[in-house]
Protein backbone atom coordinates (compact mmCIF):
# COMPACT_ATOMS: atom_id res chain seq x y z
CA UNK A 1 13.92 3.13 52.16
CA UNK A 2 12.79 3.43 48.55
CA UNK A 3 9.15 3.74 47.54
CA UNK A 4 9.23 0.21 46.15
CA UNK A 5 10.39 -1.37 49.40
CA UNK A 6 7.84 -3.18 51.57
CA UNK A 7 8.13 -2.54 55.33
CA UNK A 8 8.94 -5.67 57.27
CA UNK A 9 5.98 -5.22 59.58
CA UNK A 10 3.40 -4.96 56.75
CA UNK A 11 2.10 -8.42 55.86
CA UNK A 12 1.85 -9.33 52.19
CA UNK A 13 -1.71 -9.74 50.93
CA UNK A 14 -2.86 -13.34 50.95
CA UNK A 15 -4.15 -15.16 47.88
CA UNK A 16 -7.81 -14.55 48.78
CA UNK A 17 -7.23 -10.80 49.02
CA UNK A 18 -5.50 -10.71 45.65
CA UNK A 19 -8.33 -12.61 44.00
CA UNK A 20 -11.10 -10.35 45.28
CA UNK A 21 -14.60 -11.51 46.30
CA UNK A 22 -15.70 -12.76 42.87
CA UNK A 23 -12.33 -14.35 42.24
CA UNK A 24 -12.67 -16.17 45.53
CA UNK A 25 -16.13 -17.42 44.53
CA UNK A 26 -14.74 -18.70 41.22
CA UNK A 27 -11.84 -20.33 43.06
CA UNK A 28 -14.29 -22.08 45.41
CA UNK A 29 -16.38 -23.29 42.48
CA UNK A 30 -13.37 -24.73 40.67
CA UNK A 31 -12.42 -26.62 43.85
CA UNK A 32 -15.95 -27.94 44.39
CA UNK A 33 -16.44 -31.52 43.26
CA UNK A 34 -20.20 -31.06 43.53
CA UNK A 35 -20.20 -28.05 41.21
CA UNK A 36 -17.81 -29.59 38.67
CA UNK A 37 -19.78 -32.84 38.53
CA UNK A 38 -23.04 -30.98 37.97
CA UNK A 39 -21.42 -28.69 35.41
CA UNK A 40 -20.08 -31.70 33.51
CA UNK A 41 -23.54 -33.27 33.32
CA UNK A 42 -25.17 -30.01 32.19
CA UNK A 43 -22.46 -29.33 29.59
CA UNK A 44 -22.90 -32.85 28.19
CA UNK A 45 -26.58 -32.17 27.53
CA UNK A 46 -25.86 -28.68 26.20
CA UNK A 47 -23.45 -30.19 23.66
CA UNK A 48 -26.11 -32.75 22.72
CA UNK A 49 -28.65 -29.97 22.26
CA UNK A 50 -26.34 -27.92 20.06
CA UNK A 51 -24.65 -30.62 17.99
CA UNK A 52 -26.53 -33.85 18.68
CA UNK A 53 -28.16 -34.11 15.28
CA UNK A 54 -24.69 -34.25 13.67
CA UNK A 55 -23.55 -37.41 15.44
CA UNK A 56 -26.69 -39.47 16.15
CA UNK A 57 -26.87 -42.64 14.05
CA UNK A 58 -30.45 -42.10 12.84
CA UNK A 59 -32.86 -39.30 12.03
CA UNK A 60 -34.81 -38.88 15.31
CA UNK A 61 -38.00 -38.11 13.39
CA UNK A 62 -37.78 -40.94 10.83
CA UNK A 63 -40.09 -43.89 11.50
CA UNK A 64 -39.43 -47.50 10.53
CA UNK A 65 -42.51 -49.62 11.19
CA UNK A 66 -40.70 -52.82 10.31
CA UNK A 67 -38.34 -52.32 13.28
CA UNK A 68 -40.97 -50.98 15.71
CA UNK A 69 -40.40 -51.77 19.40
CA UNK A 70 -37.05 -53.42 18.75
CA UNK A 71 -35.15 -53.96 22.05
CA UNK A 72 -31.75 -52.38 22.74
CA UNK A 73 -29.10 -53.89 20.48
CA UNK A 74 -25.86 -53.10 18.68
CA UNK A 75 -27.91 -51.56 15.88
CA UNK A 76 -30.25 -49.55 18.10
CA UNK A 77 -28.48 -48.90 21.41
CA UNK A 78 -31.64 -47.79 23.25
CA UNK A 79 -34.07 -49.76 21.09
CA UNK A 80 -36.88 -48.27 19.00
CA UNK A 81 -40.29 -46.85 19.89
CA UNK A 82 -43.73 -47.94 18.74
CA UNK A 83 -43.28 -46.54 15.21
CA UNK A 84 -39.67 -47.61 14.83
CA UNK A 85 -37.85 -44.39 15.66
CA UNK A 86 -34.40 -44.82 17.21
CA UNK A 87 -34.69 -44.04 20.93
CA UNK A 88 -31.00 -43.16 21.37
CA UNK A 89 -31.15 -40.54 18.60
CA UNK A 90 -34.34 -39.09 20.04
CA UNK A 91 -32.91 -38.87 23.58
CA UNK A 92 -29.80 -37.06 22.37
CA UNK A 93 -31.60 -34.57 20.14
CA UNK A 94 -34.56 -34.30 22.54
CA UNK A 95 -32.45 -32.23 24.92
CA UNK A 96 -32.70 -29.22 22.59
CA UNK A 97 -36.23 -28.05 23.31
CA UNK A 98 -36.06 -28.46 27.08
CA UNK A 99 -32.69 -26.68 27.20
CA UNK A 100 -34.18 -23.81 25.22
CA UNK A 101 -37.50 -23.37 27.01
CA UNK A 102 -36.40 -23.97 30.63
CA UNK A 103 -33.41 -21.53 30.68
CA UNK A 104 -35.42 -18.79 28.92
CA UNK A 105 -38.26 -19.24 31.41
CA UNK A 106 -35.75 -19.06 34.26
CA UNK A 107 -34.20 -15.88 32.88
CA UNK A 108 -37.65 -14.29 32.59
CA UNK A 109 -38.47 -15.36 36.16
CA UNK A 110 -35.19 -13.91 37.42
CA UNK A 111 -35.64 -10.55 35.70
CA UNK A 112 -39.28 -10.15 36.78
CA UNK A 113 -38.70 -11.51 40.28
CA UNK A 114 -35.62 -9.35 40.88
CA UNK A 115 -37.39 -6.18 39.79
CA UNK A 116 -40.42 -6.98 41.93
CA UNK A 117 -38.30 -7.96 44.94
CA UNK A 118 -36.31 -4.74 44.74
CA UNK A 119 -39.53 -2.73 44.57
CA UNK A 120 -41.30 -4.24 47.55
CA UNK A 121 -38.14 -4.57 49.63
CA UNK A 122 -37.07 -0.97 49.11
CA UNK A 123 -40.41 0.80 49.58
CA UNK A 124 -41.85 -1.55 52.22
CA UNK A 125 -45.00 -0.14 53.90
CA UNK A 126 -48.26 -0.47 52.03
CA UNK A 127 -46.52 -1.45 48.79
CA UNK A 128 -44.87 -4.40 50.54
CA UNK A 129 -48.06 -5.40 52.37
CA UNK A 130 -50.28 -5.44 49.28
CA UNK A 131 -47.85 -6.98 46.81
CA UNK A 132 -46.58 -9.58 49.29
CA UNK A 133 -50.13 -10.77 50.02
CA UNK A 134 -50.82 -11.09 46.28
CA UNK A 135 -47.60 -13.05 45.78
CA UNK A 136 -48.42 -15.37 48.68
CA UNK A 137 -51.84 -16.09 47.21
CA UNK A 138 -50.26 -16.71 43.82
CA UNK A 139 -47.65 -19.09 45.26
CA UNK A 140 -50.34 -21.06 47.08
CA UNK A 141 -51.53 -22.39 43.71
CA UNK A 142 -49.41 -25.22 42.24
CA UNK A 143 -47.30 -24.09 39.28
CA UNK A 144 -48.69 -26.85 37.05
CA UNK A 145 -52.28 -25.72 37.69
CA UNK A 146 -51.42 -22.11 36.83
CA UNK A 147 -49.58 -23.25 33.72
CA UNK A 148 -52.44 -25.45 32.56
CA UNK A 149 -55.03 -22.69 32.98
CA UNK A 150 -52.86 -20.15 31.16
CA UNK A 151 -51.95 -22.49 28.30
CA UNK A 152 -55.58 -23.50 27.79
CA UNK A 153 -56.52 -19.82 27.61
CA UNK A 154 -53.60 -18.63 25.47
CA UNK A 155 -52.88 -21.69 23.34
CA UNK A 156 -49.96 -24.09 23.28
CA UNK A 157 -46.62 -22.80 22.04
CA UNK A 158 -43.03 -22.57 23.25
CA UNK A 159 -43.44 -18.83 23.88
CA UNK A 160 -46.52 -19.45 26.02
CA UNK A 161 -44.72 -22.12 28.06
CA UNK A 162 -41.74 -19.81 28.60
CA UNK A 163 -43.91 -16.90 29.73
CA UNK A 164 -46.18 -19.02 31.94
CA UNK A 165 -43.36 -20.83 33.74
CA UNK A 166 -41.30 -17.63 34.01
CA UNK A 167 -44.12 -15.66 35.58
CA UNK A 168 -45.04 -18.59 37.83
CA UNK A 169 -41.54 -18.69 39.33
CA UNK A 170 -41.09 -14.91 39.51
CA UNK A 171 -42.89 -14.54 42.88
CA UNK A 172 -40.56 -17.09 44.49
CA UNK A 173 -37.49 -15.20 43.32
CA UNK A 174 -39.12 -11.90 44.34
CA UNK A 175 -39.52 -13.17 47.89
CA UNK A 176 -35.82 -14.11 48.06
CA UNK A 177 -34.74 -10.74 46.66
CA UNK A 178 -37.07 -8.90 49.03
CA UNK A 179 -35.43 -10.54 52.05
CA UNK A 180 -31.97 -9.55 50.82
CA UNK A 181 -33.06 -5.98 50.06
CA UNK A 182 -34.60 -5.54 53.52
CA UNK A 183 -31.17 -6.19 55.04
CA UNK A 184 -29.32 -3.96 52.57
CA UNK A 185 -31.63 -0.95 52.70
CA UNK A 186 -30.65 -0.20 56.31
CA UNK A 187 -26.91 0.01 55.53
CA UNK A 188 -24.90 3.22 55.34
CA UNK A 189 -24.36 3.23 51.57
CA UNK A 190 -28.13 3.37 50.99
CA UNK A 191 -28.46 6.23 53.46
CA UNK A 192 -25.61 8.00 51.66
CA UNK A 193 -27.41 7.60 48.33
CA UNK A 194 -30.54 9.17 49.84
CA UNK A 195 -28.49 12.08 51.19
CA UNK A 196 -27.19 12.64 47.68
CA UNK A 197 -30.85 12.80 46.60
CA UNK A 198 -30.47 9.82 44.29
CA UNK A 199 -33.73 8.58 42.81
CA UNK A 200 -35.39 5.37 43.96
CA UNK A 201 -34.60 3.56 40.72
CA UNK A 202 -30.92 4.54 40.94
CA UNK A 203 -30.72 3.41 44.55
CA UNK A 204 -32.41 0.09 43.84
CA UNK A 205 -30.66 -0.91 40.64
CA UNK A 206 -27.26 0.79 40.98
CA UNK A 207 -26.62 0.77 44.73
CA UNK A 208 -28.54 -2.23 46.12
CA UNK A 209 -28.76 -4.68 43.22
CA UNK A 210 -25.00 -5.41 42.93
CA UNK A 211 -24.98 -6.35 46.62
CA UNK A 212 -27.82 -8.87 46.34
CA UNK A 213 -26.45 -10.71 43.29
CA UNK A 214 -25.30 -13.80 45.29
CA UNK A 215 -28.76 -14.87 46.53
CA UNK A 216 -30.19 -14.10 43.09
CA UNK A 217 -27.66 -16.40 41.39
CA UNK A 218 -28.34 -19.17 43.88
CA UNK A 219 -32.10 -18.86 43.46
CA UNK A 220 -31.76 -18.77 39.66
CA UNK A 221 -29.86 -22.05 39.52
CA UNK A 222 -32.39 -23.68 41.84
CA UNK A 223 -35.33 -22.44 39.76
CA UNK A 224 -33.70 -23.78 36.58
CA UNK A 225 -33.99 -27.31 37.94
CA UNK A 226 -37.66 -26.76 38.74
CA UNK A 227 -38.24 -25.21 35.30
CA UNK A 228 -36.81 -28.29 33.58
CA UNK A 229 -39.15 -30.50 35.55
CA UNK A 230 -42.11 -28.18 34.84
CA UNK A 231 -41.45 -28.19 31.07
CA UNK A 232 -41.18 -31.99 31.05
CA UNK A 233 -44.38 -32.31 33.08
CA UNK A 234 -46.36 -30.03 30.76
CA UNK A 235 -45.05 -31.88 27.70
CA UNK A 236 -46.04 -35.19 29.28
CA UNK A 237 -49.55 -33.85 29.86
CA UNK A 238 -49.77 -32.64 26.27
CA UNK A 239 -49.70 -28.93 27.10
CA UNK A 240 -46.03 -28.20 26.53
CA UNK A 241 -43.76 -28.88 23.59
CA UNK A 242 -45.74 -30.45 20.75
CA UNK A 243 -45.07 -33.26 18.22
CA UNK A 244 -43.07 -34.10 16.20
CA UNK A 245 -40.40 -32.88 18.62
CA UNK A 246 -38.34 -35.67 20.28
CA UNK A 247 -38.74 -33.83 23.60
CA UNK A 248 -38.24 -36.13 26.56
CA UNK A 249 -41.53 -35.44 28.32
CA UNK A 250 -43.46 -35.77 25.07
CA UNK A 251 -41.71 -39.07 24.25
CA UNK A 252 -42.59 -40.48 27.68
CA UNK A 253 -46.20 -39.41 27.17
CA UNK A 254 -46.34 -41.13 23.77
CA UNK A 255 -44.81 -44.39 24.92
CA UNK A 256 -45.59 -44.95 28.61
CA UNK A 257 -48.49 -47.22 27.68
CA UNK A 258 -45.93 -49.64 26.24
CA UNK A 259 -44.46 -50.41 29.67
CA UNK A 260 -47.25 -52.86 30.44
CA UNK A 261 -46.23 -54.90 27.41
CA UNK A 262 -42.63 -55.14 28.59
CA UNK A 263 -41.28 -52.43 26.26
CA UNK A 264 -39.54 -50.55 29.06
CA UNK A 265 -36.85 -48.97 26.88
CA UNK A 266 -39.36 -46.67 25.17
CA UNK A 267 -39.67 -44.69 28.42
CA UNK A 268 -36.69 -45.51 30.63
CA UNK A 269 -33.97 -43.62 28.78
CA UNK A 270 -36.00 -40.42 28.39
CA UNK A 271 -36.83 -40.54 32.11
CA UNK A 272 -33.15 -41.05 32.97
CA UNK A 273 -32.23 -38.11 30.74
CA UNK A 274 -34.63 -35.81 32.60
CA UNK A 275 -33.40 -37.08 35.95
CA UNK A 276 -29.73 -36.64 35.04
CA UNK A 277 -30.23 -33.08 33.81
CA UNK A 278 -32.19 -32.08 36.92
CA UNK A 279 -29.56 -33.70 39.15
CA UNK A 280 -26.81 -31.89 37.26
CA UNK A 281 -28.50 -28.52 37.67
CA UNK A 282 -29.13 -29.19 41.38
CA UNK A 283 -25.47 -30.08 41.89
CA UNK A 284 -24.49 -26.80 40.22
CA UNK A 285 -26.94 -24.96 42.50
CA UNK A 286 -25.46 -26.66 45.58
CA UNK A 287 -21.96 -25.70 44.45
CA UNK A 288 -22.94 -22.08 43.84
CA UNK A 289 -24.65 -21.90 47.24
CA UNK A 290 -21.60 -23.35 48.93
CA UNK A 291 -19.23 -20.96 47.14
CA UNK A 292 -21.17 -17.92 48.33
CA UNK A 293 -21.41 -19.21 51.88
CA UNK A 294 -17.79 -20.28 52.41
């Protein structure tokens, strides 16, 4: 029998084996209607954020007092707000700020939370006891309260919002990473790294980290949805993104008083935009979770 022949009693590798673990995850995602639906919604808003100003019918910042509070029509699809700005144009372009601030805050939370989770999960003992109690106390305070206190102290800016939201969500991610690390640190490959006298940083970031990527990815996508909502909430309260941005939360804050007068369109479409983006991100998170748990 030549070297290229395959023995009859040796089964050929199945498709899953040929794809590998990450290939199998990608295959599961591409077969997930939940993931693809959420991804489609998120990509729609990403395209609007990147290129929206090139195809909206009106300048989202240009006012037109003569046409103020005009209802939805063929000329203004979503109507106009109290100073005559086209609501449709503002909704489309308004996705830019929230899709800049929320993902950056989520990335910061993931980096800080992962590093902290690796630290307390690997060393355990007194380090785990002290840091975990601090994190629990920190998480007991609502994120919005922490954000408001920090923004009042540091001043309102996009950078401040990113840092505040990122650091507010970091303890939640750290707790998830800690749980994963506690399971991994008892496995043979970690013991082998210690026998080779590898340093703690090498063991945490080179040996353990690649094996806890799945829960980190799941937690990151979940936190992104919360970050979007947090950014919108802060903007609505006047502590987030500032005028003249067409940001959704800021637009709702500026126009919600019009609802009582029957001018519902000044708020409805911005609220639907926020809801659709959060739903899209949550669908992506559900798809990612399902792909890693198949």
